[in-house]
C-alpha atoms as a PDB file:
ATOM      1  CA  MET A   1      22.333   3.680  -5.741  1.00  0.00           C
ATOM      2  CA  VAL A   2      18.673   2.672  -7.594  1.00  0.00           C
ATOM      3  CA  LEU A   3      16.484   0.361  -6.444  1.00  0.00           C
ATOM      4  CA  THR A   4      15.490  -2.689  -8.578  1.00  0.00           C
ATOM      5  CA  ALA A   5      12.312  -3.067  -9.957  1.00  0.00           C
ATOM      6  CA  GLU A   6      11.961  -6.184  -7.880  1.00  0.00           C
ATOM      7  CA  SER A   7      11.774  -3.705  -4.715  1.00  0.00           C
ATOM      8  CA  ARG A   8       8.510  -2.748  -5.510  1.00  0.00           C
ATOM      9  CA  LEU A   9       5.274  -4.659  -4.806  1.00  0.00           C
ATOM     10  CA  GLN A  10       1.734  -3.858  -6.063  1.00  0.00           C
ATOM     11  CA  PHE A  11       0.155  -4.422  -2.692  1.00  0.00           C
ATOM     12  CA  THR A  12      -3.046  -3.160  -3.738  1.00  0.00           C
ATOM     13  CA  PRO A  13      -4.642  -1.814  -7.006  1.00  0.00           C
ATOM     14  CA  ASP A  14      -3.549   1.538  -5.816  1.00  0.00           C
ATOM     15  CA  LEU A  15      -0.785   1.216  -3.608  1.00  0.00           C
ATOM     16  CA  ASN A  16       2.582   0.483  -5.172  1.00  0.00           C
ATOM     17  CA  ILE A  17       4.752   0.313  -2.140  1.00  0.00           C
ATOM     18  CA  CYS A  18       8.791  -0.788  -1.552  1.00  0.00           C
ATOM     19  CA  ARG A  19       9.595  -4.031  -0.248  1.00  0.00           C
ATOM     20  CA  ILE A  20      11.880  -2.411   2.466  1.00  0.00           C
ATOM     21  CA  LEU A  21       9.395  -0.516   4.955  1.00  0.00           C
ATOM     22  CA  ASN A  22      10.819   2.344   6.739  1.00  0.00           C
ATOM     23  CA  GLY A  23       9.926   1.888  10.794  1.00  0.00           C
ATOM     24  CA  MET A  24       9.327   4.573  12.794  1.00  0.00           C
ATOM     25  CA  TRP A  25       9.583   2.777  16.248  1.00  0.00           C
ATOM     26  CA  GLN A  26      12.350   4.424  16.961  1.00  0.00           C
ATOM     27  CA  VAL A  27      11.343   7.982  16.920  1.00  0.00           C
ATOM     28  CA  SER A  28       9.314   6.768  19.864  1.00  0.00           C
ATOM     29  CA  GLY A  29      11.408   7.860  22.521  1.00  0.00           C
ATOM     30  CA  ALA A  30      12.758   4.400  23.533  1.00  0.00           C
ATOM     31  CA  HIS A  31      15.870   4.992  21.391  1.00  0.00           C
ATOM     32  CA  GLY A  32      16.748   8.213  22.331  1.00  0.00           C
ATOM     33  CA  ARG A  33      16.206  11.389  21.226  1.00  0.00           C
ATOM     34  CA  ILE A  34      15.630  13.024  17.803  1.00  0.00           C
ATOM     35  CA  ASN A  35      16.041  15.838  16.634  1.00  0.00           C
ATOM     36  CA  PRO A  36      12.545  17.023  14.264  1.00  0.00           C
ATOM     37  CA  THR A  37      14.595  18.722  11.574  1.00  0.00           C
ATOM     38  CA  ALA A  38      17.004  16.865  11.241  1.00  0.00           C
ATOM     39  CA  ALA A  39      14.498  13.645  10.518  1.00  0.00           C
ATOM     40  CA  ILE A  40      12.645  15.558   8.329  1.00  0.00           C
ATOM     41  CA  HIS A  41      15.584  15.911   5.880  1.00  0.00           C
ATOM     42  CA  ALA A  42      16.404  12.051   6.237  1.00  0.00           C
ATOM     43  CA  MET A  43      12.950  11.271   5.387  1.00  0.00           C
ATOM     44  CA  PHE A  44      13.830  12.973   1.750  1.00  0.00           C
ATOM     45  CA  LYS A  45      17.162  10.814   1.787  1.00  0.00           C
ATOM     46  CA  TYR A  46      15.194   7.816   2.110  1.00  0.00           C
ATOM     47  CA  VAL A  47      12.272   8.553  -0.696  1.00  0.00           C
ATOM     48  CA  ASP A  48      14.650   9.691  -3.251  1.00  0.00           C
ATOM     49  CA  ALA A  49      16.725   6.299  -2.523  1.00  0.00           C
ATOM     50  CA  GLY A  50      13.597   4.729  -3.216  1.00  0.00           C
ATOM     51  CA  PHE A  51      12.572   3.935  -0.126  1.00  0.00           C
ATOM     52  CA  THR A  52       9.310   5.441   0.413  1.00  0.00           C
ATOM     53  CA  THR A  53       7.116   3.249   2.602  1.00  0.00           C
ATOM     54  CA  TRP A  54       6.755   4.405   5.701  1.00  0.00           C
ATOM     55  CA  ASP A  55       5.496   1.930   8.881  1.00  0.00           C
ATOM     56  CA  LEU A  56       3.805   4.285  11.909  1.00  0.00           C
ATOM     57  CA  ALA A  57       1.605   4.277  14.650  1.00  0.00           C
ATOM     58  CA  ASP A  58      -0.528   6.639  16.747  1.00  0.00           C
ATOM     59  CA  HIS A  59       2.053   5.700  19.877  1.00  0.00           C
ATOM     60  CA  TYR A  60       5.222   5.843  18.307  1.00  0.00           C
ATOM     61  CA  GLY A  61       5.879   9.406  20.079  1.00  0.00           C
ATOM     62  CA  PRO A  62       5.650  11.999  17.004  1.00  0.00           C
ATOM     63  CA  ALA A  63       5.855  10.174  14.421  1.00  0.00           C
ATOM     64  CA  GLU A  64       2.467  10.986  12.513  1.00  0.00           C
ATOM     65  CA  ASP A  65       3.290  14.133  13.301  1.00  0.00           C
ATOM     66  CA  LEU A  66       6.553  13.561  11.275  1.00  0.00           C
ATOM     67  CA  ILE A  67       4.811  12.194   8.724  1.00  0.00           C
ATOM     68  CA  GLY A  68       2.292  15.632   8.380  1.00  0.00           C
ATOM     69  CA  GLU A  69       5.034  17.901   8.545  1.00  0.00           C
ATOM     70  CA  PHE A  70       7.184  15.939   5.803  1.00  0.00           C
ATOM     71  CA  ARG A  71       4.046  16.112   3.633  1.00  0.00           C
ATOM     72  CA  ARG A  72       3.893  19.627   4.044  1.00  0.00           C
ATOM     73  CA  GLN A  73       7.642  20.310   3.025  1.00  0.00           C
ATOM     74  CA  PHE A  74       7.407  17.619   0.346  1.00  0.00           C
ATOM     75  CA  ILE A  75       4.374  19.682  -1.485  1.00  0.00           C
ATOM     76  CA  ALA A  76       6.208  22.934  -1.011  1.00  0.00           C
ATOM     77  CA  THR A  77       9.538  21.780  -3.032  1.00  0.00           C
ATOM     78  CA  ARG A  78       7.994  18.657  -5.137  1.00  0.00           C
ATOM     79  CA  GLY A  79       4.056  19.430  -5.695  1.00  0.00           C
ATOM     80  CA  LYS A  80       1.452  17.685  -5.056  1.00  0.00           C
ATOM     81  CA  GLU A  81       1.176  14.865  -7.667  1.00  0.00           C
ATOM     82  CA  ALA A  82       4.634  13.848  -6.265  1.00  0.00           C
ATOM     83  CA  LEU A  83       3.036  12.608  -3.151  1.00  0.00           C
ATOM     84  CA  ALA A  84       1.900   9.805  -4.717  1.00  0.00           C
ATOM     85  CA  ASN A  85       5.105   8.377  -4.511  1.00  0.00           C
ATOM     86  CA  ILE A  86       4.517   7.920  -1.056  1.00  0.00           C
ATOM     87  CA  GLN A  87       3.250   5.477   1.257  1.00  0.00           C
ATOM     88  CA  ALA A  88       2.972   5.801   5.089  1.00  0.00           C
ATOM     89  CA  PHE A  89       0.756   3.055   7.272  1.00  0.00           C
ATOM     90  CA  THR A  90      -0.039   3.524  10.947  1.00  0.00           C
ATOM     91  CA  LYS A  91      -2.169   2.031  13.201  1.00  0.00           C
ATOM     92  CA  TRP A  92      -4.076   2.536  15.893  1.00  0.00           C
ATOM     93  CA  VAL A  93      -3.709   0.696  19.355  1.00  0.00           C
ATOM     94  CA  PRO A  94      -6.958   1.350  21.471  1.00  0.00           C
ATOM     95  CA  ARG A  95      -7.556   0.403  25.179  1.00  0.00           C
ATOM     96  CA  PRO A  96      -9.574  -2.984  25.246  1.00  0.00           C
ATOM     97  CA  GLY A  97     -13.432  -2.101  26.089  1.00  0.00           C
ATOM     98  CA  LYS A  98     -16.849  -0.908  24.580  1.00  0.00           C
ATOM     99  CA  MET A  99     -16.259   0.272  21.073  1.00  0.00           C
ATOM    100  CA  THR A 100     -18.789   3.221  19.592  1.00  0.00           C
ATOM    101  CA  LYS A 101     -18.249   4.424  16.184  1.00  0.00           C
ATOM    102  CA  LYS A 102     -17.594   8.019  17.561  1.00  0.00           C
ATOM    103  CA  LEU A 103     -14.510   7.006  19.385  1.00  0.00           C
ATOM    104  CA  VAL A 104     -12.709   4.890  16.588  1.00  0.00           C
ATOM    105  CA  GLU A 105     -13.903   7.981  14.083  1.00  0.00           C
ATOM    106  CA  GLU A 106     -12.607  10.364  16.939  1.00  0.00           C
ATOM    107  CA  ASN A 107      -9.136   8.201  16.752  1.00  0.00           C
ATOM    108  CA  ILE A 108      -9.244   8.043  12.990  1.00  0.00           C
ATOM    109  CA  ASN A 109      -9.331  11.748  13.078  1.00  0.00           C
ATOM    110  CA  ILE A 110      -6.575  12.327  15.619  1.00  0.00           C
ATOM    111  CA  SER A 111      -4.745  10.124  12.829  1.00  0.00           C
ATOM    112  CA  LEU A 112      -5.653  12.299   9.882  1.00  0.00           C
ATOM    113  CA  ARG A 113      -5.019  15.479  11.350  1.00  0.00           C
ATOM    114  CA  ARG A 114      -2.082  14.753  12.624  1.00  0.00           C
ATOM    115  CA  MET A 115      -0.222  13.048   9.077  1.00  0.00           C
ATOM    116  CA  ASP A 116      -2.105  15.454   7.334  1.00  0.00           C
ATOM    117  CA  VAL A 117      -4.135  13.663   4.862  1.00  0.00           C
ATOM    118  CA  GLU A 118      -7.250  13.025   4.218  1.00  0.00           C
ATOM    119  CA  SER A 119      -7.771   9.363   3.991  1.00  0.00           C
ATOM    120  CA  LEU A 120      -5.335   6.832   5.602  1.00  0.00           C
ATOM    121  CA  ASP A 121      -3.357   4.156   3.444  1.00  0.00           C
ATOM    122  CA  LEU A 122      -3.442   1.737   5.728  1.00  0.00           C
ATOM    123  CA  MET A 123      -4.852   1.663   9.144  1.00  0.00           C
ATOM    124  CA  GLN A 124      -3.292  -1.617  11.006  1.00  0.00           C
ATOM    125  CA  PHE A 125      -5.042  -2.178  14.199  1.00  0.00           C
ATOM    126  CA  HIS A 126      -4.368  -4.033  17.336  1.00  0.00           C
ATOM    127  CA  TRP A 127      -6.259  -5.403  19.902  1.00  0.00           C
ATOM    128  CA  TRP A 128      -4.698  -6.144  23.144  1.00  0.00           C
ATOM    129  CA  GLU A 129      -7.195  -8.746  24.654  1.00  0.00           C
ATOM    130  CA  TYR A 130      -8.613 -11.553  22.981  1.00  0.00           C
ATOM    131  CA  ARG A 131     -11.147 -12.353  25.417  1.00  0.00           C
ATOM    132  CA  ASP A 132     -12.747  -9.248  24.860  1.00  0.00           C
ATOM    133  CA  PRO A 133     -14.156  -9.415  21.460  1.00  0.00           C
ATOM    134  CA  ASN A 134     -14.979  -5.799  21.427  1.00  0.00           C
ATOM    135  CA  TYR A 135     -12.521  -5.833  18.760  1.00  0.00           C
ATOM    136  CA  LEU A 136     -14.890  -7.107  15.856  1.00  0.00           C
ATOM    137  CA  ASP A 137     -16.989  -4.053  16.633  1.00  0.00           C
ATOM    138  CA  ALA A 138     -13.742  -1.801  16.168  1.00  0.00           C
ATOM    139  CA  LEU A 139     -13.202  -3.215  12.862  1.00  0.00           C
ATOM    140  CA  ARG A 140     -16.953  -3.015  11.850  1.00  0.00           C
ATOM    141  CA  TYR A 141     -16.974   0.516  12.726  1.00  0.00           C
ATOM    142  CA  MET A 142     -13.573   0.956  10.947  1.00  0.00           C
ATOM    143  CA  ALA A 143     -14.907  -1.014   7.721  1.00  0.00           C
ATOM    144  CA  GLU A 144     -17.778   1.748   7.794  1.00  0.00           C
ATOM    145  CA  LEU A 145     -15.106   4.242   7.691  1.00  0.00           C
ATOM    146  CA  GLN A 146     -13.250   2.553   4.949  1.00  0.00           C
ATOM    147  CA  THR A 147     -16.942   3.215   3.026  1.00  0.00           C
ATOM    148  CA  GLU A 148     -17.007   6.733   3.859  1.00  0.00           C
ATOM    149  CA  GLY A 149     -13.385   7.158   2.408  1.00  0.00           C
ATOM    150  CA  LYS A 150     -11.267   7.696   5.362  1.00  0.00           C
ATOM    151  CA  ILE A 151      -9.452   4.458   5.509  1.00  0.00           C
ATOM    152  CA  LYS A 152      -8.016   3.365   1.973  1.00  0.00           C
ATOM    153  CA  HIS A 153      -7.303  -0.509   3.301  1.00  0.00           C
ATOM    154  CA  LEU A 154      -8.090  -2.312   6.773  1.00  0.00           C
ATOM    155  CA  ALA A 155      -5.298  -4.042   8.019  1.00  0.00           C
ATOM    156  CA  LEU A 156      -4.101  -5.805  11.854  1.00  0.00           C
ATOM    157  CA  THR A 157      -0.802  -6.072  13.631  1.00  0.00           C
ATOM    158  CA  ASN A 158      -0.148  -8.959  15.814  1.00  0.00           C
ATOM    159  CA  PHE A 159      -3.452 -11.084  15.300  1.00  0.00           C
ATOM    160  CA  ASP A 160      -2.425 -14.484  15.750  1.00  0.00           C
ATOM    161  CA  THR A 161      -3.876 -17.072  13.144  1.00  0.00           C
ATOM    162  CA  GLU A 162      -7.185 -18.160  15.146  1.00  0.00           C
ATOM    163  CA  HIS A 163      -8.134 -14.640  15.631  1.00  0.00           C
ATOM    164  CA  LEU A 164      -7.421 -13.514  11.892  1.00  0.00           C
ATOM    165  CA  LYS A 165      -9.697 -16.534  10.757  1.00  0.00           C
ATOM    166  CA  ILE A 166     -12.047 -14.800  13.391  1.00  0.00           C
ATOM    167  CA  ILE A 167     -12.123 -11.796  11.624  1.00  0.00           C
ATOM    168  CA  THR A 168     -11.756 -12.802   8.058  1.00  0.00           C
ATOM    169  CA  GLU A 169     -15.161 -15.192   8.319  1.00  0.00           C
ATOM    170  CA  ALA A 170     -16.834 -12.143  10.020  1.00  0.00           C
ATOM    171  CA  GLY A 171     -16.585 -10.219   6.704  1.00  0.00           C
ATOM    172  CA  ILE A 172     -14.256  -7.790   7.178  1.00  0.00           C
ATOM    173  CA  LYS A 173     -11.585  -7.730   4.568  1.00  0.00           C
ATOM    174  CA  ILE A 174      -8.130  -7.220   5.817  1.00  0.00           C
ATOM    175  CA  VAL A 175      -5.369  -6.764   3.308  1.00  0.00           C
ATOM    176  CA  SER A 176      -2.258  -7.380   5.706  1.00  0.00           C
ATOM    177  CA  ASN A 177      -1.202  -8.652   9.041  1.00  0.00           C
ATOM    178  CA  GLN A 178       2.209  -7.402  10.823  1.00  0.00           C
ATOM    179  CA  VAL A 179       4.061  -9.846  12.865  1.00  0.00           C
ATOM    180  CA  GLN A 180       7.428 -10.521  14.488  1.00  0.00           C
ATOM    181  CA  PHE A 181       9.221 -12.442  11.598  1.00  0.00           C
ATOM    182  CA  SER A 182      12.765 -13.784  11.515  1.00  0.00           C
ATOM    183  CA  LEU A 183      16.249 -16.384  11.503  1.00  0.00           C
ATOM    184  CA  VAL A 184      15.508 -16.060  15.185  1.00  0.00           C
ATOM    185  CA  ASP A 185      11.495 -16.290  15.147  1.00  0.00           C
ATOM    186  CA  ARG A 186      10.165 -18.313  12.596  1.00  0.00           C
ATOM    187  CA  ARG A 187       6.822 -18.611  13.895  1.00  0.00           C
ATOM    188  CA  PRO A 188       4.748 -17.224  11.060  1.00  0.00           C
ATOM    189  CA  GLU A 189       6.102 -20.666   8.843  1.00  0.00           C
ATOM    190  CA  VAL A 190       4.018 -22.813  11.628  1.00  0.00           C
ATOM    191  CA  ASN A 191       0.666 -21.641  10.491  1.00  0.00           C
ATOM    192  CA  MET A 192      -0.041 -18.015   9.717  1.00  0.00           C
ATOM    193  CA  ILE A 193       1.597 -17.941   6.175  1.00  0.00           C
ATOM    194  CA  GLN A 194      -0.419 -20.622   4.947  1.00  0.00           C
ATOM    195  CA  PHE A 195      -3.896 -19.234   5.846  1.00  0.00           C
ATOM    196  CA  CYS A 196      -2.256 -15.572   4.674  1.00  0.00           C
ATOM    197  CA  GLN A 197      -1.998 -17.704   1.199  1.00  0.00           C
ATOM    198  CA  GLN A 198      -5.553 -18.712   1.055  1.00  0.00           C
ATOM    199  CA  HIS A 199      -6.900 -15.359   1.807  1.00  0.00           C
ATOM    200  CA  ASP A 200      -5.045 -13.182  -0.353  1.00  0.00           C
ATOM    201  CA  ILE A 201      -3.469 -11.484   3.052  1.00  0.00           C
ATOM    202  CA  LYS A 202       0.116  -9.784   2.892  1.00  0.00           C
ATOM    203  CA  LEU A 203       2.725 -10.285   6.071  1.00  0.00           C
ATOM    204  CA  PHE A 204       4.508  -6.901   7.185  1.00  0.00           C
ATOM    205  CA  THR A 205       7.216  -8.297   9.372  1.00  0.00           C
ATOM    206  CA  TYR A 206       9.344  -6.654  12.343  1.00  0.00           C
ATOM    207  CA  GLY A 207      12.343  -8.078  14.057  1.00  0.00           C
ATOM    208  CA  SER A 208      14.261  -9.030  11.025  1.00  0.00           C
ATOM    209  CA  VAL A 209      17.295  -7.986  11.833  1.00  0.00           C
ATOM    210  CA  CYS A 210      16.753  -7.941  15.509  1.00  0.00           C
ATOM    211  CA  GLY A 211      16.897  -5.229  16.080  1.00  0.00           C
ATOM    212  CA  GLY A 212      20.236  -5.047  14.697  1.00  0.00           C
ATOM    213  CA  LEU A 213      21.852  -8.529  16.603  1.00  0.00           C
ATOM    214  CA  LEU A 214      21.744 -10.083  12.927  1.00  0.00           C
ATOM    215  CA  SER A 215      25.075  -8.259  11.878  1.00  0.00           C
ATOM    216  CA  GLU A 216      28.912  -8.098  11.520  1.00  0.00           C
ATOM    217  CA  LYS A 217      28.675  -6.015  14.841  1.00  0.00           C
ATOM    218  CA  TYR A 218      27.652  -8.774  16.750  1.00  0.00           C
ATOM    219  CA  LEU A 219      29.705 -11.841  15.280  1.00  0.00           C
ATOM    220  CA  GLY A 220      32.327 -13.110  17.866  1.00  0.00           C
ATOM    221  CA  LYS A 221      31.214 -11.269  20.873  1.00  0.00           C
ATOM    222  CA  THR A 222      30.866 -12.429  24.198  1.00  0.00           C
ATOM    223  CA  GLU A 223      27.069 -12.501  25.177  1.00  0.00           C
ATOM    224  CA  LEU A 224      25.437  -9.018  26.061  1.00  0.00           C
ATOM    225  CA  ARG A 225      24.819  -8.325  29.458  1.00  0.00           C
ATOM    226  CA  ALA A 226      22.078  -6.013  31.065  1.00  0.00           C
ATOM    227  CA  PHE A 227      23.733  -2.805  30.262  1.00  0.00           C
ATOM    228  CA  ASP A 228      25.381  -3.628  27.273  1.00  0.00           C
ATOM    229  CA  LEU A 229      21.468  -3.339  25.745  1.00  0.00           C
ATOM    230  CA  GLY A 230      21.027   0.488  25.418  1.00  0.00           C
ATOM    231  CA  THR A 231      17.684   0.548  23.263  1.00  0.00           C
ATOM    232  CA  VAL A 232      14.512  -1.069  23.399  1.00  0.00           C
ATOM    233  CA  SER A 233      15.104  -3.087  20.577  1.00  0.00           C
ATOM    234  CA  LEU A 234      18.197  -4.952  21.898  1.00  0.00           C
ATOM    235  CA  LYS A 235      16.642  -5.596  25.090  1.00  0.00           C
ATOM    236  CA  LYS A 236      13.410  -7.110  23.565  1.00  0.00           C
ATOM    237  CA  TYR A 237      15.069  -9.196  21.054  1.00  0.00           C
ATOM    238  CA  LYS A 238      18.213 -10.233  23.052  1.00  0.00           C
ATOM    239  CA  ASN A 239      15.409 -11.599  25.105  1.00  0.00           C
ATOM    240  CA  MET A 240      13.974 -13.593  22.095  1.00  0.00           C
ATOM    241  CA  VAL A 241      17.618 -14.844  21.146  1.00  0.00           C
ATOM    242  CA  ASP A 242      17.478 -16.465  24.817  1.00  0.00           C
ATOM    243  CA  ASN A 243      14.529 -18.230  23.930  1.00  0.00           C
ATOM    244  CA  TRP A 244      15.258 -19.552  20.686  1.00  0.00           C
ATOM    245  CA  GLY A 245      18.423 -21.392  22.078  1.00  0.00           C
ATOM    246  CA  GLY A 246      20.929 -18.730  23.890  1.00  0.00           C
ATOM    247  CA  TRP A 247      23.897 -16.718  22.516  1.00  0.00           C
ATOM    248  CA  GLN A 248      26.442 -19.717  21.689  1.00  0.00           C
ATOM    249  CA  LEU A 249      23.878 -21.297  18.993  1.00  0.00           C
ATOM    250  CA  PHE A 250      23.387 -17.035  18.268  1.00  0.00           C
ATOM    251  CA  GLN A 251      27.066 -17.308  17.355  1.00  0.00           C
ATOM    252  CA  GLU A 252      26.897 -20.409  14.951  1.00  0.00           C
ATOM    253  CA  LEU A 253      23.822 -18.802  13.033  1.00  0.00           C
ATOM    254  CA  LEU A 254      25.933 -15.445  12.533  1.00  0.00           C
ATOM    255  CA  SER A 255      28.763 -17.414  11.850  1.00  0.00           C
ATOM    256  CA  THR A 256      26.610 -19.447   8.915  1.00  0.00           C
ATOM    257  CA  LEU A 257      24.868 -16.242   7.895  1.00  0.00           C
ATOM    258  CA  LYS A 258      28.376 -14.669   7.093  1.00  0.00           C
ATOM    259  CA  LYS A 259      29.482 -17.389   4.960  1.00  0.00           C
ATOM    260  CA  ILE A 260      26.606 -16.890   3.036  1.00  0.00           C
ATOM    261  CA  ALA A 261      26.604 -12.768   3.301  1.00  0.00           C
ATOM    262  CA  ASP A 262      30.192 -13.846   1.867  1.00  0.00           C
ATOM    263  CA  LYS A 263      29.341 -15.873  -1.045  1.00  0.00           C
ATOM    264  CA  HIS A 264      26.917 -13.462  -2.208  1.00  0.00           C
ATOM    265  CA  GLY A 265      28.890  -9.956  -1.581  1.00  0.00           C
ATOM    266  CA  VAL A 266      26.421  -8.614   1.253  1.00  0.00           C
ATOM    267  CA  SER A 267      25.919  -7.977   4.295  1.00  0.00           C
ATOM    268  CA  ILE A 268      24.714 -10.804   7.231  1.00  0.00           C
ATOM    269  CA  SER A 269      21.719  -8.393   7.886  1.00  0.00           C
ATOM    270  CA  ASN A 270      20.503  -8.677   4.181  1.00  0.00           C
ATOM    271  CA  VAL A 271      20.653 -12.519   4.452  1.00  0.00           C
ATOM    272  CA  ALA A 272      18.711 -12.012   7.433  1.00  0.00           C
ATOM    273  CA  VAL A 273      16.298  -9.463   5.611  1.00  0.00           C
ATOM    274  CA  ARG A 274      15.945 -11.654   2.033  1.00  0.00           C
ATOM    275  CA  TYR A 275      15.153 -15.165   3.994  1.00  0.00           C
ATOM    276  CA  VAL A 276      11.841 -12.909   5.603  1.00  0.00           C
ATOM    277  CA  LEU A 277      11.278 -11.298   2.059  1.00  0.00           C
ATOM    278  CA  GLU A 278      11.637 -14.792   0.173  1.00  0.00           C
ATOM    279  CA  LYS A 279       8.796 -16.580   1.936  1.00  0.00           C
ATOM    280  CA  PRO A 280       5.417 -16.455   0.400  1.00  0.00           C
ATOM    281  CA  SER A 281       2.594 -14.092   1.450  1.00  0.00           C
ATOM    282  CA  VAL A 282       5.242 -11.817   2.798  1.00  0.00           C
ATOM    283  CA  GLY A 283       4.634  -8.096   1.082  1.00  0.00           C
ATOM    284  CA  GLY A 284       7.923  -6.064   3.242  1.00  0.00           C
ATOM    285  CA  VAL A 285      10.173  -6.259   5.864  1.00  0.00           C
ATOM    286  CA  ILE A 286      10.270  -3.327   8.086  1.00  0.00           C
ATOM    287  CA  VAL A 287      13.582  -1.954   8.528  1.00  0.00           C
ATOM    288  CA  GLY A 288      14.190   0.295  11.515  1.00  0.00           C
ATOM    289  CA  ALA A 289      15.391   3.868  10.821  1.00  0.00           C
ATOM    290  CA  ARG A 290      16.935   5.942  13.342  1.00  0.00           C
ATOM    291  CA  LEU A 291      15.959   9.636  11.432  1.00  0.00           C
ATOM    292  CA  GLY A 292      19.024  11.606  11.245  1.00  0.00           C
ATOM    293  CA  LEU A 293      21.368   9.403  13.679  1.00  0.00           C
ATOM    294  CA  SER A 294      22.226   6.177  11.498  1.00  0.00           C
ATOM    295  CA  GLU A 295      21.146   5.553   7.800  1.00  0.00           C
ATOM    296  CA  HIS A 296      21.686   2.385   6.236  1.00  0.00           C
ATOM    297  CA  LEU A 297      19.886   2.734   2.864  1.00  0.00           C
ATOM    298  CA  GLU A 298      23.313   1.976   0.936  1.00  0.00           C
ATOM    299  CA  ASP A 299      23.348  -1.349   2.569  1.00  0.00           C
ATOM    300  CA  ASN A 300      19.557  -2.065   2.773  1.00  0.00           C
ATOM    301  CA  ALA A 301      19.414  -1.634  -1.038  1.00  0.00           C
ATOM    302  CA  LYS A 302      21.658  -4.884  -1.294  1.00  0.00           C
ATOM    303  CA  VAL A 303      18.504  -6.853  -0.382  1.00  0.00           C
ATOM    304  CA  PHE A 304      17.555  -6.606  -3.768  1.00  0.00           C
ATOM    305  CA  SER A 305      20.537  -7.801  -5.312  1.00  0.00           C
ATOM    306  CA  PHE A 306      20.502 -11.463  -4.862  1.00  0.00           C
ATOM    307  CA  SER A 307      18.934 -14.384  -4.245  1.00  0.00           C
ATOM    308  CA  LEU A 308      19.448 -17.407  -1.702  1.00  0.00           C
ATOM    309  CA  ASP A 309      19.753 -20.859  -2.983  1.00  0.00           C
ATOM    310  CA  ALA A 310      19.161 -24.033  -1.925  1.00  0.00           C
ATOM    311  CA  GLU A 311      22.600 -24.415  -0.369  1.00  0.00           C
ATOM    312  CA  ASP A 312      22.026 -21.444   1.576  1.00  0.00           C
ATOM    313  CA  VAL A 313      18.699 -22.406   3.240  1.00  0.00           C
ATOM    314  CA  ASN A 314      19.933 -25.772   3.839  1.00  0.00           C
ATOM    315  CA  LEU A 315      22.593 -24.072   5.860  1.00  0.00           C
ATOM    316  CA  ILE A 316      20.344 -21.777   8.060  1.00  0.00           C
ATOM    317  CA  ASP A 317      17.923 -24.811   8.180  1.00  0.00           C
ATOM    318  CA  ALA A 318      20.810 -26.785   9.659  1.00  0.00           C
ATOM    319  CA  VAL A 319      21.195 -24.108  12.971  1.00  0.00           C
ATOM    320  CA  SER A 320      17.585 -23.836  13.087  1.00  0.00           C
ATOM    321  CA  ARG A 321      16.682 -27.576  14.038  1.00  0.00           C
ATOM    322  CA  GLN A 322      19.327 -27.047  16.681  1.00  0.00           C
ATOM    323  CA  SER A 323      16.957 -24.340  18.448  1.00  0.00           C
ATOM    324  CA  ARG A 324      14.007 -24.140  20.583  1.00  0.00           C
ATOM    325  CA  ASP A 325      10.305 -23.996  18.777  1.00  0.00           C
ATOM    326  CA  LEU A 326       9.187 -20.748  19.883  1.00  0.00           C
ATOM    327  CA  TYR A 327       6.045 -21.388  18.628  1.00  0.00           C
ATOM    328  CA  GLN A 328       5.593 -23.958  21.236  1.00  0.00           C
ATOM    329  CA  VAL A 329       7.671 -21.874  23.744  1.00  0.00           C
ATOM    330  CA  ILE A 330       5.354 -18.446  23.383  1.00  0.00           C
ATOM    331  CA  GLY A 331       2.790 -19.587  21.244  1.00  0.00           C
ATOM    332  CA  ASP A 332       1.305 -18.022  17.690  1.00  0.00           C
ATOM    333  CA  CYS A 333       2.635 -14.577  16.666  1.00  0.00           C
ATOM    334  CA  GLY A 334       1.699 -11.807  18.625  1.00  0.00           C
ATOM    335  CA  ASP A 335       1.347 -13.992  21.854  1.00  0.00           C
ATOM    336  CA  GLU A 336       4.267 -12.596  23.519  1.00  0.00           C
ATOM    337  CA  TYR A 337       2.363  -9.368  23.767  1.00  0.00           C
ATOM    338  CA  ARG A 338      -0.661 -11.272  25.639  1.00  0.00           C
ATOM    339  CA  LYS A 339       0.693 -13.691  28.340  1.00  0.00           C
END
């Protein structure tokens, strides 16, 4: 298995990334226990297969520590120069409140130490409470740390278009925003994509396979009940499906995706990811990696083996038109975390 050149993106002048990012939320503990030794072993397999880009956060359990240990083992076996081919994007999710340079720097230093890096490739900042404007101070201090070399690039997680605009107009250079985006949740298509196109901001998307719901596994299945939802992801995205249009319409979507997938010789999940990847401003799709438990490397690689044609998109849109408008139900990107 060799990923095609199309799997890569020159995200910034110094970062060439894989357009499928390995999501490390799954190591946070909410998806079952992860064996660190098995996880590190799996990380070597991901990188060797071409999946070189990792998405993590300060609050994803041992995610930052796993990156640090992986880097040390990678240097020991491959040499320090080989690290240039690996990218690790973390997040800082502070409690709202007064921000000082000391507080911001202390938290950035924790991530630097845990990940065993001199400079963070990408710091993706999240803020829960827009009514507290201290997020601008936090970002200004992070911009200072960027100038000092502790952060290479500044980014956001789950900011809506209105506040992304406020940050941009404050003169803070943002290179990406991480948002939920899938065939069920198409809210970024309303305002976010257009704004990002205008300001050269990339989107990294999560939830694009709805925690695994957008797959053959659930095609033709009766509606999942509470005790069927064994992971945090399944609970979260089943709730999203309910808001979007319910299980019956979701089955219609899966049937449609199955037809498209069979036409291209790929899986339903491949079609779901491909749809999002082909949207303007989308830099990459984050696909959860249950390290050491289940690997989908061969299947994920197929995302880069085909393109959706106009007929495929029309079939998908015909189902979407029957759904509720999640922008009206929930609000803009990230608003589900602020209700």
